[in-house]
mmCIF file of all heavy atoms, coordinates in Angstrom:
data_MODEL
# 
_entry.id   MODEL 
# 
loop_
_atom_site.group_PDB 
_atom_site.id 
_atom_site.type_symbol 
_atom_site.label_atom_id 
_atom_site.label_alt_id 
_atom_site.label_comp_id 
_atom_site.label_asym_id 
_atom_site.label_entity_id 
_atom_site.label_seq_id 
_atom_site.pdbx_PDB_ins_code 
_atom_site.Cartn_x 
_atom_site.Cartn_y 
_atom_site.Cartn_z 
_atom_site.occupancy 
_atom_site.B_iso_or_equiv 
_atom_site.pdbx_formal_charge 
_atom_site.auth_seq_id 
_atom_site.auth_comp_id 
_atom_site.auth_asym_id 
_atom_site.auth_atom_id 
_atom_site.pdbx_PDB_model_num 
ATOM 1   N N   . GLY A 1 1  ? 92.984  103.086 90.458  1.00 0.00 ? 1  GLY A N   1 
ATOM 2   C CA  . GLY A 1 1  ? 93.054  101.568 90.715  1.00 0.00 ? 1  GLY A CA  1 
ATOM 3   C C   . GLY A 1 1  ? 94.092  101.267 91.735  1.00 0.00 ? 1  GLY A C   1 
ATOM 4   O O   . GLY A 1 1  ? 94.150  100.100 92.318  1.00 0.00 ? 1  GLY A O   1 
ATOM 5   N N   . ALA A 1 2  ? 95.019  102.181 92.018  1.00 0.00 ? 2  ALA A N   1 
ATOM 6   C CA  . ALA A 1 2  ? 95.988  101.934 93.055  1.00 0.00 ? 2  ALA A CA  1 
ATOM 7   C C   . ALA A 1 2  ? 95.865  102.877 94.271  1.00 0.00 ? 2  ALA A C   1 
ATOM 8   O O   . ALA A 1 2  ? 96.842  102.963 95.039  1.00 0.00 ? 2  ALA A O   1 
ATOM 9   C CB  . ALA A 1 2  ? 97.443  102.176 92.420  1.00 0.00 ? 2  ALA A CB  1 
ATOM 10  N N   . ALA A 1 3  ? 94.622  103.363 94.395  1.00 0.00 ? 3  ALA A N   1 
ATOM 11  C CA  . ALA A 1 3  ? 94.361  104.353 95.480  1.00 0.00 ? 3  ALA A CA  1 
ATOM 12  C C   . ALA A 1 3  ? 94.356  103.933 96.840  1.00 0.00 ? 3  ALA A C   1 
ATOM 13  O O   . ALA A 1 3  ? 94.036  104.626 97.812  1.00 0.00 ? 3  ALA A O   1 
ATOM 14  C CB  . ALA A 1 3  ? 93.218  105.240 95.005  1.00 0.00 ? 3  ALA A CB  1 
ATOM 15  N N   . GLY A 1 4  ? 94.586  102.495 97.036  1.00 0.00 ? 4  GLY A N   1 
ATOM 16  C CA  . GLY A 1 4  ? 94.616  102.012 98.360  1.00 0.00 ? 4  GLY A CA  1 
ATOM 17  C C   . GLY A 1 4  ? 95.962  101.941 98.980  1.00 0.00 ? 4  GLY A C   1 
ATOM 18  O O   . GLY A 1 4  ? 96.105  102.037 100.216 1.00 0.00 ? 4  GLY A O   1 
ATOM 19  N N   . VAL A 1 5  ? 97.021  101.774 98.285  1.00 0.00 ? 5  VAL A N   1 
ATOM 20  C CA  . VAL A 1 5  ? 98.364  101.437 98.713  1.00 0.00 ? 5  VAL A CA  1 
ATOM 21  C C   . VAL A 1 5  ? 98.880  102.546 99.611  1.00 0.00 ? 5  VAL A C   1 
ATOM 22  O O   . VAL A 1 5  ? 99.217  102.215 100.814 1.00 0.00 ? 5  VAL A O   1 
ATOM 23  C CB  . VAL A 1 5  ? 99.324  101.064 97.566  1.00 0.00 ? 5  VAL A CB  1 
ATOM 24  C CG1 . VAL A 1 5  ? 100.713 100.780 98.178  1.00 0.00 ? 5  VAL A CG1 1 
ATOM 25  C CG2 . VAL A 1 5  ? 98.843  99.939  96.725  1.00 0.00 ? 5  VAL A CG2 1 
ATOM 26  N N   . LEU A 1 6  ? 99.074  103.753 99.078  1.00 0.00 ? 6  LEU A N   1 
ATOM 27  C CA  . LEU A 1 6  ? 99.692  104.818 99.818  1.00 0.00 ? 6  LEU A CA  1 
ATOM 28  C C   . LEU A 1 6  ? 98.805  105.227 101.036 1.00 0.00 ? 6  LEU A C   1 
ATOM 29  O O   . LEU A 1 6  ? 99.330  105.464 102.109 1.00 0.00 ? 6  LEU A O   1 
ATOM 30  C CB  . LEU A 1 6  ? 100.052 105.926 99.008  1.00 0.00 ? 6  LEU A CB  1 
ATOM 31  C CG  . LEU A 1 6  ? 101.010 107.026 99.485  1.00 0.00 ? 6  LEU A CG  1 
ATOM 32  C CD1 . LEU A 1 6  ? 102.361 106.274 99.918  1.00 0.00 ? 6  LEU A CD1 1 
ATOM 33  C CD2 . LEU A 1 6  ? 101.346 108.058 98.455  1.00 0.00 ? 6  LEU A CD2 1 
ATOM 34  N N   . PRO A 1 7  ? 97.499  105.251 100.916 1.00 0.00 ? 7  PRO A N   1 
ATOM 35  C CA  . PRO A 1 7  ? 96.685  105.585 102.149 1.00 0.00 ? 7  PRO A CA  1 
ATOM 36  C C   . PRO A 1 7  ? 96.838  104.552 103.156 1.00 0.00 ? 7  PRO A C   1 
ATOM 37  O O   . PRO A 1 7  ? 96.947  104.879 104.371 1.00 0.00 ? 7  PRO A O   1 
ATOM 38  C CB  . PRO A 1 7  ? 95.233  105.674 101.598 1.00 0.00 ? 7  PRO A CB  1 
ATOM 39  C CG  . PRO A 1 7  ? 95.396  106.048 100.115 1.00 0.00 ? 7  PRO A CG  1 
ATOM 40  C CD  . PRO A 1 7  ? 96.739  105.410 99.659  1.00 0.00 ? 7  PRO A CD  1 
ATOM 41  N N   . GLY A 1 8  ? 96.923  103.201 102.826 1.00 0.00 ? 8  GLY A N   1 
ATOM 42  C CA  . GLY A 1 8  ? 97.032  102.222 103.835 1.00 0.00 ? 8  GLY A CA  1 
ATOM 43  C C   . GLY A 1 8  ? 98.388  102.249 104.491 1.00 0.00 ? 8  GLY A C   1 
ATOM 44  O O   . GLY A 1 8  ? 98.445  102.127 105.803 1.00 0.00 ? 8  GLY A O   1 
ATOM 45  N N   . VAL A 1 9  ? 99.499  102.617 103.789 1.00 0.00 ? 9  VAL A N   1 
ATOM 46  C CA  . VAL A 1 9  ? 100.770 102.750 104.330 1.00 0.00 ? 9  VAL A CA  1 
ATOM 47  C C   . VAL A 1 9  ? 100.750 104.041 105.213 1.00 0.00 ? 9  VAL A C   1 
ATOM 48  O O   . VAL A 1 9  ? 101.347 104.031 106.302 1.00 0.00 ? 9  VAL A O   1 
ATOM 49  C CB  . VAL A 1 9  ? 101.749 102.747 103.345 1.00 0.00 ? 9  VAL A CB  1 
ATOM 50  C CG1 . VAL A 1 9  ? 103.194 103.179 103.827 1.00 0.00 ? 9  VAL A CG1 1 
ATOM 51  C CG2 . VAL A 1 9  ? 101.913 101.364 102.596 1.00 0.00 ? 9  VAL A CG2 1 
ATOM 52  N N   . ALA A 1 10 ? 100.260 105.099 104.768 1.00 0.00 ? 10 ALA A N   1 
ATOM 53  C CA  . ALA A 1 10 ? 100.303 106.365 105.463 1.00 0.00 ? 10 ALA A CA  1 
ATOM 54  C C   . ALA A 1 10 ? 99.530  106.200 106.812 1.00 0.00 ? 10 ALA A C   1 
ATOM 55  O O   . ALA A 1 10 ? 100.033 106.658 107.866 1.00 0.00 ? 10 ALA A O   1 
ATOM 56  C CB  . ALA A 1 10 ? 99.718  107.513 104.667 1.00 0.00 ? 10 ALA A CB  1 
ATOM 57  N N   . ALA A 1 11 ? 98.406  105.571 106.819 1.00 0.00 ? 11 ALA A N   1 
ATOM 58  C CA  . ALA A 1 11 ? 97.597  105.371 108.033 1.00 0.00 ? 11 ALA A CA  1 
ATOM 59  C C   . ALA A 1 11 ? 98.394  104.475 108.940 1.00 0.00 ? 11 ALA A C   1 
ATOM 60  O O   . ALA A 1 11 ? 98.274  104.639 110.189 1.00 0.00 ? 11 ALA A O   1 
ATOM 61  C CB  . ALA A 1 11 ? 96.262  104.763 107.642 1.00 0.00 ? 11 ALA A CB  1 
ATOM 62  N N   . THR A 1 12 ? 99.071  103.516 108.520 1.00 0.00 ? 12 THR A N   1 
ATOM 63  C CA  . THR A 1 12 ? 99.826  102.617 109.385 1.00 0.00 ? 12 THR A CA  1 
ATOM 64  C C   . THR A 1 12 ? 101.088 103.382 109.960 1.00 0.00 ? 12 THR A C   1 
ATOM 65  O O   . THR A 1 12 ? 101.382 103.173 111.162 1.00 0.00 ? 12 THR A O   1 
ATOM 66  C CB  . THR A 1 12 ? 100.302 101.443 108.605 1.00 0.00 ? 12 THR A CB  1 
ATOM 67  O OG1 . THR A 1 12 ? 99.148  100.704 107.981 1.00 0.00 ? 12 THR A OG1 1 
ATOM 68  C CG2 . THR A 1 12 ? 101.085 100.463 109.546 1.00 0.00 ? 12 THR A CG2 1 
ATOM 69  N N   . LEU A 1 13 ? 101.774 104.214 109.188 1.00 0.00 ? 13 LEU A N   1 
ATOM 70  C CA  . LEU A 1 13 ? 102.823 104.939 109.752 1.00 0.00 ? 13 LEU A CA  1 
ATOM 71  C C   . LEU A 1 13 ? 102.272 105.854 110.847 1.00 0.00 ? 13 LEU A C   1 
ATOM 72  O O   . LEU A 1 13 ? 102.916 106.131 111.821 1.00 0.00 ? 13 LEU A O   1 
ATOM 73  C CB  . LEU A 1 13 ? 103.394 105.794 108.633 1.00 0.00 ? 13 LEU A CB  1 
ATOM 74  C CG  . LEU A 1 13 ? 104.200 105.073 107.603 1.00 0.00 ? 13 LEU A CG  1 
ATOM 75  C CD1 . LEU A 1 13 ? 104.635 106.125 106.495 1.00 0.00 ? 13 LEU A CD1 1 
ATOM 76  C CD2 . LEU A 1 13 ? 105.428 104.442 108.148 1.00 0.00 ? 13 LEU A CD2 1 
ATOM 77  N N   . ALA A 1 14 ? 101.125 106.481 110.565 1.00 0.00 ? 14 ALA A N   1 
ATOM 78  C CA  . ALA A 1 14 ? 100.542 107.345 111.550 1.00 0.00 ? 14 ALA A CA  1 
ATOM 79  C C   . ALA A 1 14 ? 100.010 106.663 112.822 1.00 0.00 ? 14 ALA A C   1 
ATOM 80  O O   . ALA A 1 14 ? 100.378 107.121 113.940 1.00 0.00 ? 14 ALA A O   1 
ATOM 81  C CB  . ALA A 1 14 ? 99.373  108.193 111.000 1.00 0.00 ? 14 ALA A CB  1 
ATOM 82  N N   . GLU A 1 15 ? 99.279  105.639 112.661 1.00 0.00 ? 15 GLU A N   1 
ATOM 83  C CA  . GLU A 1 15 ? 98.624  105.004 113.828 1.00 0.00 ? 15 GLU A CA  1 
ATOM 84  C C   . GLU A 1 15 ? 99.373  103.981 114.488 1.00 0.00 ? 15 GLU A C   1 
ATOM 85  O O   . GLU A 1 15 ? 99.274  103.788 115.676 1.00 0.00 ? 15 GLU A O   1 
ATOM 86  C CB  . GLU A 1 15 ? 97.237  104.406 113.357 1.00 0.00 ? 15 GLU A CB  1 
ATOM 87  C CG  . GLU A 1 15 ? 96.285  105.500 112.715 1.00 0.00 ? 15 GLU A CG  1 
ATOM 88  C CD  . GLU A 1 15 ? 94.881  104.898 112.266 1.00 0.00 ? 15 GLU A CD  1 
ATOM 89  O OE1 . GLU A 1 15 ? 94.585  103.807 112.607 1.00 0.00 ? 15 GLU A OE1 1 
ATOM 90  O OE2 . GLU A 1 15 ? 94.383  105.666 111.360 1.00 0.00 ? 15 GLU A OE2 1 
ATOM 91  N N   . ASP A 1 16 ? 100.254 103.210 113.776 1.00 0.00 ? 16 ASP A N   1 
ATOM 92  C CA  . ASP A 1 16 ? 100.999 102.218 114.403 1.00 0.00 ? 16 ASP A CA  1 
ATOM 93  C C   . ASP A 1 16 ? 102.433 102.712 114.905 1.00 0.00 ? 16 ASP A C   1 
ATOM 94  O O   . ASP A 1 16 ? 102.949 102.096 115.838 1.00 0.00 ? 16 ASP A O   1 
ATOM 95  C CB  . ASP A 1 16 ? 101.214 100.978 113.496 1.00 0.00 ? 16 ASP A CB  1 
ATOM 96  C CG  . ASP A 1 16 ? 99.935  100.296 113.182 1.00 0.00 ? 16 ASP A CG  1 
ATOM 97  O OD1 . ASP A 1 16 ? 98.873  100.866 113.327 1.00 0.00 ? 16 ASP A OD1 1 
ATOM 98  O OD2 . ASP A 1 16 ? 99.902  99.028  112.947 1.00 0.00 ? 16 ASP A OD2 1 
ATOM 99  N N   . PHE A 1 17 ? 102.991 103.664 114.204 1.00 0.00 ? 17 PHE A N   1 
ATOM 100 C CA  . PHE A 1 17 ? 104.364 104.160 114.433 1.00 0.00 ? 17 PHE A CA  1 
ATOM 101 C C   . PHE A 1 17 ? 104.338 105.558 115.068 1.00 0.00 ? 17 PHE A C   1 
ATOM 102 O O   . PHE A 1 17 ? 105.480 106.007 115.248 1.00 0.00 ? 17 PHE A O   1 
ATOM 103 C CB  . PHE A 1 17 ? 105.162 103.989 113.284 1.00 0.00 ? 17 PHE A CB  1 
ATOM 104 C CG  . PHE A 1 17 ? 105.366 102.538 112.809 1.00 0.00 ? 17 PHE A CG  1 
ATOM 105 C CD1 . PHE A 1 17 ? 104.614 102.006 111.785 1.00 0.00 ? 17 PHE A CD1 1 
ATOM 106 C CD2 . PHE A 1 17 ? 106.329 101.767 113.383 1.00 0.00 ? 17 PHE A CD2 1 
ATOM 107 C CE1 . PHE A 1 17 ? 104.655 100.708 111.455 1.00 0.00 ? 17 PHE A CE1 1 
ATOM 108 C CE2 . PHE A 1 17 ? 106.572 100.456 112.952 1.00 0.00 ? 17 PHE A CE2 1 
ATOM 109 C CZ  . PHE A 1 17 ? 105.705 99.974  112.011 1.00 0.00 ? 17 PHE A CZ  1 
ATOM 110 N N   . GLY A 1 18 ? 103.209 106.277 115.008 1.00 0.00 ? 18 GLY A N   1 
ATOM 111 C CA  . GLY A 1 18 ? 103.263 107.509 115.609 1.00 0.00 ? 18 GLY A CA  1 
ATOM 112 C C   . GLY A 1 18 ? 103.852 108.639 114.754 1.00 0.00 ? 18 GLY A C   1 
ATOM 113 O O   . GLY A 1 18 ? 104.243 109.747 115.265 1.00 0.00 ? 18 GLY A O   1 
ATOM 114 N N   . ILE A 1 19 ? 104.016 108.404 113.504 1.00 0.00 ? 19 ILE A N   1 
ATOM 115 C CA  . ILE A 1 19 ? 104.584 109.412 112.624 1.00 0.00 ? 19 ILE A CA  1 
ATOM 116 C C   . ILE A 1 19 ? 103.490 110.449 112.222 1.00 0.00 ? 19 ILE A C   1 
ATOM 117 O O   . ILE A 1 19 ? 102.382 110.043 111.833 1.00 0.00 ? 19 ILE A O   1 
ATOM 118 C CB  . ILE A 1 19 ? 104.992 108.646 111.182 1.00 0.00 ? 19 ILE A CB  1 
ATOM 119 C CG1 . ILE A 1 19 ? 105.966 107.445 111.530 1.00 0.00 ? 19 ILE A CG1 1 
ATOM 120 C CG2 . ILE A 1 19 ? 105.725 109.701 110.330 1.00 0.00 ? 19 ILE A CG2 1 
ATOM 121 C CD1 . ILE A 1 19 ? 107.205 107.812 112.137 1.00 0.00 ? 19 ILE A CD1 1 
ATOM 122 N N   . ALA A 1 20 ? 103.895 111.705 112.361 1.00 0.00 ? 20 ALA A N   1 
ATOM 123 C CA  . ALA A 1 20 ? 102.869 112.752 112.321 1.00 0.00 ? 20 ALA A CA  1 
ATOM 124 C C   . ALA A 1 20 ? 103.618 114.045 111.683 1.00 0.00 ? 20 ALA A C   1 
ATOM 125 O O   . ALA A 1 20 ? 104.802 114.091 111.487 1.00 0.00 ? 20 ALA A O   1 
ATOM 126 C CB  . ALA A 1 20 ? 102.192 112.999 113.631 1.00 0.00 ? 20 ALA A CB  1 
ATOM 127 N N   . GLY A 1 21 ? 102.692 114.990 111.406 1.00 0.00 ? 21 GLY A N   1 
ATOM 128 C CA  . GLY A 1 21 ? 103.205 116.308 110.993 1.00 0.00 ? 21 GLY A CA  1 
ATOM 129 C C   . GLY A 1 21 ? 104.075 116.359 109.782 1.00 0.00 ? 21 GLY A C   1 
ATOM 130 O O   . GLY A 1 21 ? 103.802 115.562 108.827 1.00 0.00 ? 21 GLY A O   1 
ATOM 131 N N   . GLU A 1 22 ? 105.173 117.115 109.969 1.00 0.00 ? 22 GLU A N   1 
ATOM 132 C CA  . GLU A 1 22 ? 106.046 117.300 108.737 1.00 0.00 ? 22 GLU A CA  1 
ATOM 133 C C   . GLU A 1 22 ? 106.742 116.007 108.352 1.00 0.00 ? 22 GLU A C   1 
ATOM 134 O O   . GLU A 1 22 ? 106.844 115.696 107.212 1.00 0.00 ? 22 GLU A O   1 
ATOM 135 C CB  . GLU A 1 22 ? 107.143 118.296 109.081 1.00 0.00 ? 22 GLU A CB  1 
ATOM 136 C CG  . GLU A 1 22 ? 108.177 118.537 107.910 1.00 0.00 ? 22 GLU A CG  1 
ATOM 137 C CD  . GLU A 1 22 ? 109.232 119.577 108.435 1.00 0.00 ? 22 GLU A CD  1 
ATOM 138 O OE1 . GLU A 1 22 ? 108.878 120.862 108.362 1.00 0.00 ? 22 GLU A OE1 1 
ATOM 139 O OE2 . GLU A 1 22 ? 110.316 119.136 108.739 1.00 0.00 ? 22 GLU A OE2 1 
ATOM 140 N N   . ARG A 1 23 ? 107.078 115.155 109.335 1.00 0.00 ? 23 ARG A N   1 
ATOM 141 C CA  . ARG A 1 23 ? 107.651 113.967 109.060 1.00 0.00 ? 23 ARG A CA  1 
ATOM 142 C C   . ARG A 1 23 ? 106.726 112.983 108.262 1.00 0.00 ? 23 ARG A C   1 
ATOM 143 O O   . ARG A 1 23 ? 107.184 112.345 107.260 1.00 0.00 ? 23 ARG A O   1 
ATOM 144 C CB  . ARG A 1 23 ? 107.995 113.132 110.369 1.00 0.00 ? 23 ARG A CB  1 
ATOM 145 C CG  . ARG A 1 23 ? 108.877 111.920 110.201 1.00 0.00 ? 23 ARG A CG  1 
ATOM 146 C CD  . ARG A 1 23 ? 109.230 111.383 111.556 1.00 0.00 ? 23 ARG A CD  1 
ATOM 147 N NE  . ARG A 1 23 ? 109.843 110.150 111.425 1.00 0.00 ? 23 ARG A NE  1 
ATOM 148 C CZ  . ARG A 1 23 ? 110.027 109.323 112.527 1.00 0.00 ? 23 ARG A CZ  1 
ATOM 149 N NH1 . ARG A 1 23 ? 109.566 109.716 113.748 1.00 0.00 ? 23 ARG A NH1 1 
ATOM 150 N NH2 . ARG A 1 23 ? 110.542 108.158 112.506 1.00 0.00 ? 23 ARG A NH2 1 
ATOM 151 N N   . LEU A 1 24 ? 105.486 112.976 108.510 1.00 0.00 ? 24 LEU A N   1 
ATOM 152 C CA  . LEU A 1 24 ? 104.520 112.138 107.678 1.00 0.00 ? 24 LEU A CA  1 
ATOM 153 C C   . LEU A 1 24 ? 104.377 112.709 106.278 1.00 0.00 ? 24 LEU A C   1 
ATOM 154 O O   . LEU A 1 24 ? 104.287 112.018 105.291 1.00 0.00 ? 24 LEU A O   1 
ATOM 155 C CB  . LEU A 1 24 ? 103.172 111.955 108.433 1.00 0.00 ? 24 LEU A CB  1 
ATOM 156 C CG  . LEU A 1 24 ? 102.204 111.106 107.767 1.00 0.00 ? 24 LEU A CG  1 
ATOM 157 C CD1 . LEU A 1 24 ? 102.628 109.618 107.596 1.00 0.00 ? 24 LEU A CD1 1 
ATOM 158 C CD2 . LEU A 1 24 ? 100.916 111.080 108.602 1.00 0.00 ? 24 LEU A CD2 1 
ATOM 159 N N   . LEU A 1 25 ? 104.253 114.151 106.276 1.00 0.00 ? 25 LEU A N   1 
ATOM 160 C CA  . LEU A 1 25 ? 104.014 114.774 104.937 1.00 0.00 ? 25 LEU A CA  1 
ATOM 161 C C   . LEU A 1 25 ? 105.269 114.581 104.054 1.00 0.00 ? 25 LEU A C   1 
ATOM 162 O O   . LEU A 1 25 ? 105.123 114.388 102.833 1.00 0.00 ? 25 LEU A O   1 
ATOM 163 C CB  . LEU A 1 25 ? 103.763 116.185 105.150 1.00 0.00 ? 25 LEU A CB  1 
ATOM 164 C CG  . LEU A 1 25 ? 102.399 116.550 105.727 1.00 0.00 ? 25 LEU A CG  1 
ATOM 165 C CD1 . LEU A 1 25 ? 102.272 118.030 105.868 1.00 0.00 ? 25 LEU A CD1 1 
ATOM 166 C CD2 . LEU A 1 25 ? 101.266 116.063 104.936 1.00 0.00 ? 25 LEU A CD2 1 
ATOM 167 N N   . LEU A 1 26 ? 106.424 114.680 104.616 1.00 0.00 ? 26 LEU A N   1 
ATOM 168 C CA  . LEU A 1 26 ? 107.709 114.314 103.845 1.00 0.00 ? 26 LEU A CA  1 
ATOM 169 C C   . LEU A 1 26 ? 107.784 112.951 103.299 1.00 0.00 ? 26 LEU A C   1 
ATOM 170 O O   . LEU A 1 26 ? 108.312 112.687 102.231 1.00 0.00 ? 26 LEU A O   1 
ATOM 171 C CB  . LEU A 1 26 ? 108.921 114.836 104.625 1.00 0.00 ? 26 LEU A CB  1 
ATOM 172 C CG  . LEU A 1 26 ? 109.231 116.250 104.831 1.00 0.00 ? 26 LEU A CG  1 
ATOM 173 C CD1 . LEU A 1 26 ? 110.381 116.417 105.734 1.00 0.00 ? 26 LEU A CD1 1 
ATOM 174 C CD2 . LEU A 1 26 ? 109.526 116.888 103.491 1.00 0.00 ? 26 LEU A CD2 1 
ATOM 175 N N   . SER A 1 27 ? 107.204 111.966 104.109 1.00 0.00 ? 27 SER A N   1 
ATOM 176 C CA  . SER A 1 27 ? 107.117 110.692 103.541 1.00 0.00 ? 27 SER A CA  1 
ATOM 177 C C   . SER A 1 27 ? 106.318 110.582 102.248 1.00 0.00 ? 27 SER A C   1 
ATOM 178 O O   . SER A 1 27 ? 106.628 109.837 101.322 1.00 0.00 ? 27 SER A O   1 
ATOM 179 C CB  . SER A 1 27 ? 106.534 109.707 104.597 1.00 0.00 ? 27 SER A CB  1 
ATOM 180 O OG  . SER A 1 27 ? 105.241 109.773 104.777 1.00 0.00 ? 27 SER A OG  1 
ATOM 181 N N   . LEU A 1 28 ? 105.177 111.385 102.230 1.00 0.00 ? 28 LEU A N   1 
ATOM 182 C CA  . LEU A 1 28 ? 104.466 111.401 100.990 1.00 0.00 ? 28 LEU A CA  1 
ATOM 183 C C   . LEU A 1 28 ? 105.194 112.071 99.859  1.00 0.00 ? 28 LEU A C   1 
ATOM 184 O O   . LEU A 1 28 ? 105.061 111.649 98.734  1.00 0.00 ? 28 LEU A O   1 
ATOM 185 C CB  . LEU A 1 28 ? 103.110 112.139 101.209 1.00 0.00 ? 28 LEU A CB  1 
ATOM 186 C CG  . LEU A 1 28 ? 102.144 111.479 102.209 1.00 0.00 ? 28 LEU A CG  1 
ATOM 187 C CD1 . LEU A 1 28 ? 100.827 112.321 102.201 1.00 0.00 ? 28 LEU A CD1 1 
ATOM 188 C CD2 . LEU A 1 28 ? 101.843 109.993 101.812 1.00 0.00 ? 28 LEU A CD2 1 
ATOM 189 N N   . TRP A 1 29 ? 105.961 113.161 100.146 1.00 0.00 ? 29 TRP A N   1 
ATOM 190 C CA  . TRP A 1 29 ? 106.804 113.714 99.122  1.00 0.00 ? 29 TRP A CA  1 
ATOM 191 C C   . TRP A 1 29 ? 107.813 112.750 98.626  1.00 0.00 ? 29 TRP A C   1 
ATOM 192 O O   . TRP A 1 29 ? 108.265 112.783 97.413  1.00 0.00 ? 29 TRP A O   1 
ATOM 193 C CB  . TRP A 1 29 ? 107.435 114.956 99.718  1.00 0.00 ? 29 TRP A CB  1 
ATOM 194 C CG  . TRP A 1 29 ? 106.484 116.131 99.746  1.00 0.00 ? 29 TRP A CG  1 
ATOM 195 C CD1 . TRP A 1 29 ? 105.979 116.654 100.872 1.00 0.00 ? 29 TRP A CD1 1 
ATOM 196 C CD2 . TRP A 1 29 ? 105.930 116.832 98.643  1.00 0.00 ? 29 TRP A CD2 1 
ATOM 197 N NE1 . TRP A 1 29 ? 105.090 117.775 100.485 1.00 0.00 ? 29 TRP A NE1 1 
ATOM 198 C CE2 . TRP A 1 29 ? 105.054 117.837 99.209  1.00 0.00 ? 29 TRP A CE2 1 
ATOM 199 C CE3 . TRP A 1 29 ? 106.109 116.799 97.275  1.00 0.00 ? 29 TRP A CE3 1 
ATOM 200 C CZ2 . TRP A 1 29 ? 104.342 118.843 98.376  1.00 0.00 ? 29 TRP A CZ2 1 
ATOM 201 C CZ3 . TRP A 1 29 ? 105.391 117.759 96.441  1.00 0.00 ? 29 TRP A CZ3 1 
ATOM 202 C CH2 . TRP A 1 29 ? 104.591 118.680 97.069  1.00 0.00 ? 29 TRP A CH2 1 
ATOM 203 N N   . ALA A 1 30 ? 108.411 111.882 99.498  1.00 0.00 ? 30 ALA A N   1 
ATOM 204 C CA  . ALA A 1 30 ? 109.277 110.902 99.110  1.00 0.00 ? 30 ALA A CA  1 
ATOM 205 C C   . ALA A 1 30 ? 108.670 109.846 98.215  1.00 0.00 ? 30 ALA A C   1 
ATOM 206 O O   . ALA A 1 30 ? 109.187 109.543 97.074  1.00 0.00 ? 30 ALA A O   1 
ATOM 207 C CB  . ALA A 1 30 ? 109.966 110.151 100.336 1.00 0.00 ? 30 ALA A CB  1 
ATOM 208 N N   . ALA A 1 31 ? 107.386 109.507 98.448  1.00 0.00 ? 31 ALA A N   1 
ATOM 209 C CA  . ALA A 1 31 ? 106.641 108.738 97.525  1.00 0.00 ? 31 ALA A CA  1 
ATOM 210 C C   . ALA A 1 31 ? 106.515 109.416 96.217  1.00 0.00 ? 31 ALA A C   1 
ATOM 211 O O   . ALA A 1 31 ? 106.575 108.782 95.147  1.00 0.00 ? 31 ALA A O   1 
ATOM 212 C CB  . ALA A 1 31 ? 105.294 108.385 98.177  1.00 0.00 ? 31 ALA A CB  1 
# 
């Protein structure tokens, strides 16, 4: 029921801010 929040944020980090690779994956580990 909450499966939209983190995907929406991750996609925005990737597409709007250019966050990719290890940096993006570590953001998920922080979550």
